[in-house]
Amino acid sequence: MGYAFEFEQPASGGSFALSNGQMSFVREVMREAGAAAGQGLEPALRTPGLEPTGQTVDMEKFLSNSNWHVSADEAGFIATRLRSAMSKHVIADLLSFHDDAPADAGQWVSDFADFNDRSVTHGGYRVR
């Protein structure tokens, strides 16, 4: 079981998937990036420039695969924030807290940022 993400308006290359473990780490980065917040989850690193804003997406959309709709605007914001977090070394800082740090974590986040960016022109996406 895992998470499947599909463009709201079908198109070639319009799907992406992460396992539960991969999504767990991507959620950590989303929280630290200020891309998603809520559900009692707070950033631990509090990196300047990555504070939650009025555009921050409710984390609830990423805690289940219940057909949540992430709008095009939300997807664009997520992509921008994830890339900003990568440039500020948030992933490396988070990995330092894990004894069994996932070697591919940076790639998962980068791939998810790319998917979010591509989904902007397709009405966003569904979390399934």
Protein backbone atom coordinates (compact mmCIF):
# COMPACT_ATOMS: atom_id res chain seq x y z
CA MET A 1 0.00 0.00 0.00
CA GLY A 2 1.12 3.54 -0.59
CA TYR A 3 0.13 6.81 -2.17
CA ALA A 4 -0.81 7.41 -5.79
CA PHE A 5 -1.04 10.90 -7.18
CA GLU A 6 -2.93 11.54 -10.42
CA PHE A 7 -3.42 14.75 -12.38
CA GLU A 8 -6.93 16.14 -12.03
CA GLN A 9 -7.10 16.51 -15.83
CA PRO A 10 -5.68 13.30 -17.33
CA ALA A 11 -2.49 13.66 -19.36
CA SER A 12 0.55 11.64 -20.30
CA GLY A 13 2.90 11.28 -17.34
CA GLY A 14 0.06 12.27 -15.02
CA SER A 15 0.68 9.84 -12.22
CA PHE A 16 3.24 9.40 -9.48
CA ALA A 17 3.48 7.05 -6.51
CA LEU A 18 5.27 6.78 -3.19
CA SER A 19 5.29 3.95 -0.67
CA ASN A 20 4.07 4.65 2.86
CA GLY A 21 7.68 4.91 4.07
CA GLN A 22 8.67 7.28 1.29
CA MET A 23 5.59 9.44 1.87
CA SER A 24 6.35 9.58 5.58
CA PHE A 25 9.70 11.20 4.87
CA VAL A 26 8.32 13.49 2.14
CA ARG A 27 5.69 14.68 4.66
CA GLU A 28 8.49 15.54 7.11
CA VAL A 29 10.15 17.68 4.45
CA MET A 30 6.82 19.28 3.49
CA ARG A 31 6.27 20.23 7.12
CA GLU A 32 9.78 21.68 7.47
CA ALA A 33 9.37 23.53 4.16
CA GLY A 34 6.13 25.16 5.31
CA ALA A 35 4.46 23.53 2.29
CA ALA A 36 1.98 21.64 4.47
CA ALA A 37 1.02 22.08 8.11
CA GLY A 38 -1.60 21.23 10.66
CA GLN A 39 -2.85 18.07 12.32
CA GLY A 40 -0.69 18.84 15.35
CA LEU A 41 2.54 18.71 13.34
CA GLU A 42 5.04 21.54 13.76
CA PRO A 43 8.40 22.19 12.07
CA ALA A 44 11.36 21.05 14.17
CA LEU A 45 14.12 22.90 12.31
CA ARG A 46 12.31 26.22 11.83
CA THR A 47 14.46 27.22 8.86
CA PRO A 48 14.17 30.98 8.16
CA GLY A 49 12.16 31.66 5.01
CA LEU A 50 10.21 28.41 5.26
CA GLU A 51 7.59 29.47 7.78
CA PRO A 52 3.97 28.44 7.07
CA THR A 53 1.95 31.10 5.26
CA GLY A 54 -1.64 31.58 4.13
CA GLN A 55 -0.78 29.36 1.13
CA THR A 56 0.39 26.44 3.26
CA VAL A 57 -1.66 23.33 2.47
CA ASP A 58 -3.47 21.39 5.20
CA MET A 59 -1.38 18.32 6.06
CA GLU A 60 -4.62 16.31 6.23
CA LYS A 61 -4.47 15.97 2.43
CA PHE A 62 -1.27 13.93 2.78
CA LEU A 63 -2.12 11.76 5.79
CA SER A 64 -4.42 9.45 3.84
CA ASN A 65 -5.04 8.40 0.28
CA SER A 66 -8.70 9.44 0.40
CA ASN A 67 -9.01 11.11 -3.01
CA TRP A 68 -8.01 14.55 -1.70
CA HIS A 69 -7.77 17.26 -4.34
CA VAL A 70 -4.62 19.38 -4.34
CA SER A 71 -5.37 22.43 -6.48
CA ALA A 72 -3.03 23.79 -9.12
CA ASP A 73 -2.16 26.75 -6.88
CA GLU A 74 -1.43 24.45 -3.94
CA ALA A 75 0.72 22.19 -6.13
CA GLY A 76 2.73 25.16 -7.39
CA PHE A 77 3.30 26.35 -3.83
CA ILE A 78 4.37 22.85 -2.72
CA ALA A 79 6.85 22.58 -5.60
CA THR A 80 8.36 25.98 -4.82
CA ARG A 81 8.65 25.28 -1.10
CA LEU A 82 10.17 21.81 -1.57
CA ARG A 83 12.81 23.21 -3.92
CA SER A 84 13.55 26.00 -1.46
CA ALA A 85 13.92 23.46 1.35
CA MET A 86 16.33 21.43 -0.80
CA SER A 87 18.43 24.53 -1.49
CA LYS A 88 18.55 25.28 2.26
CA HIS A 89 19.79 21.72 3.04
CA VAL A 90 16.67 20.80 5.03
CA ILE A 91 16.82 17.20 3.79
CA ALA A 92 20.38 16.69 5.02
CA ASP A 93 19.45 18.21 8.38
CA LEU A 94 16.43 15.91 8.72
CA LEU A 95 18.45 12.85 7.69
CA SER A 96 20.86 13.55 10.55
CA PHE A 97 18.02 12.63 12.96
CA HIS A 98 17.64 9.13 11.44
CA ASP A 99 19.95 6.27 12.36
CA ASP A 100 18.89 4.43 9.22
CA ALA A 101 18.69 7.46 6.94
CA PRO A 102 17.11 6.63 3.58
CA ALA A 103 19.77 7.23 0.93
CA ASP A 104 17.16 8.06 -1.73
CA ALA A 105 15.20 10.59 0.35
CA GLY A 106 16.46 13.61 -1.58
CA GLN A 107 15.40 12.01 -4.84
CA TRP A 108 11.90 11.25 -3.48
CA VAL A 109 11.45 14.90 -2.53
CA SER A 110 12.86 16.14 -5.84
CA ASP A 111 10.59 13.80 -7.81
CA PHE A 112 7.55 14.89 -5.77
CA ALA A 113 8.43 18.56 -6.36
CA ASP A 114 8.68 17.84 -10.10
CA PHE A 115 5.30 16.07 -10.10
CA ASN A 116 3.69 19.00 -8.24
CA ASP A 117 5.19 21.42 -10.75
CA ARG A 118 3.90 19.41 -13.74
CA SER A 119 0.42 19.11 -12.22
CA VAL A 120 -0.07 22.91 -12.17
CA THR A 121 -1.14 22.94 -15.83
CA HIS A 122 -3.49 19.98 -15.28
CA GLY A 123 -5.74 21.34 -12.54
CA GLY A 124 -3.66 19.95 -9.68
CA TYR A 125 -3.97 16.31 -8.64
CA ARG A 126 -5.76 13.73 -6.53
CA VAL A 127 -4.17 11.88 -3.61
CA ARG A 128 -5.25 8.23 -3.87
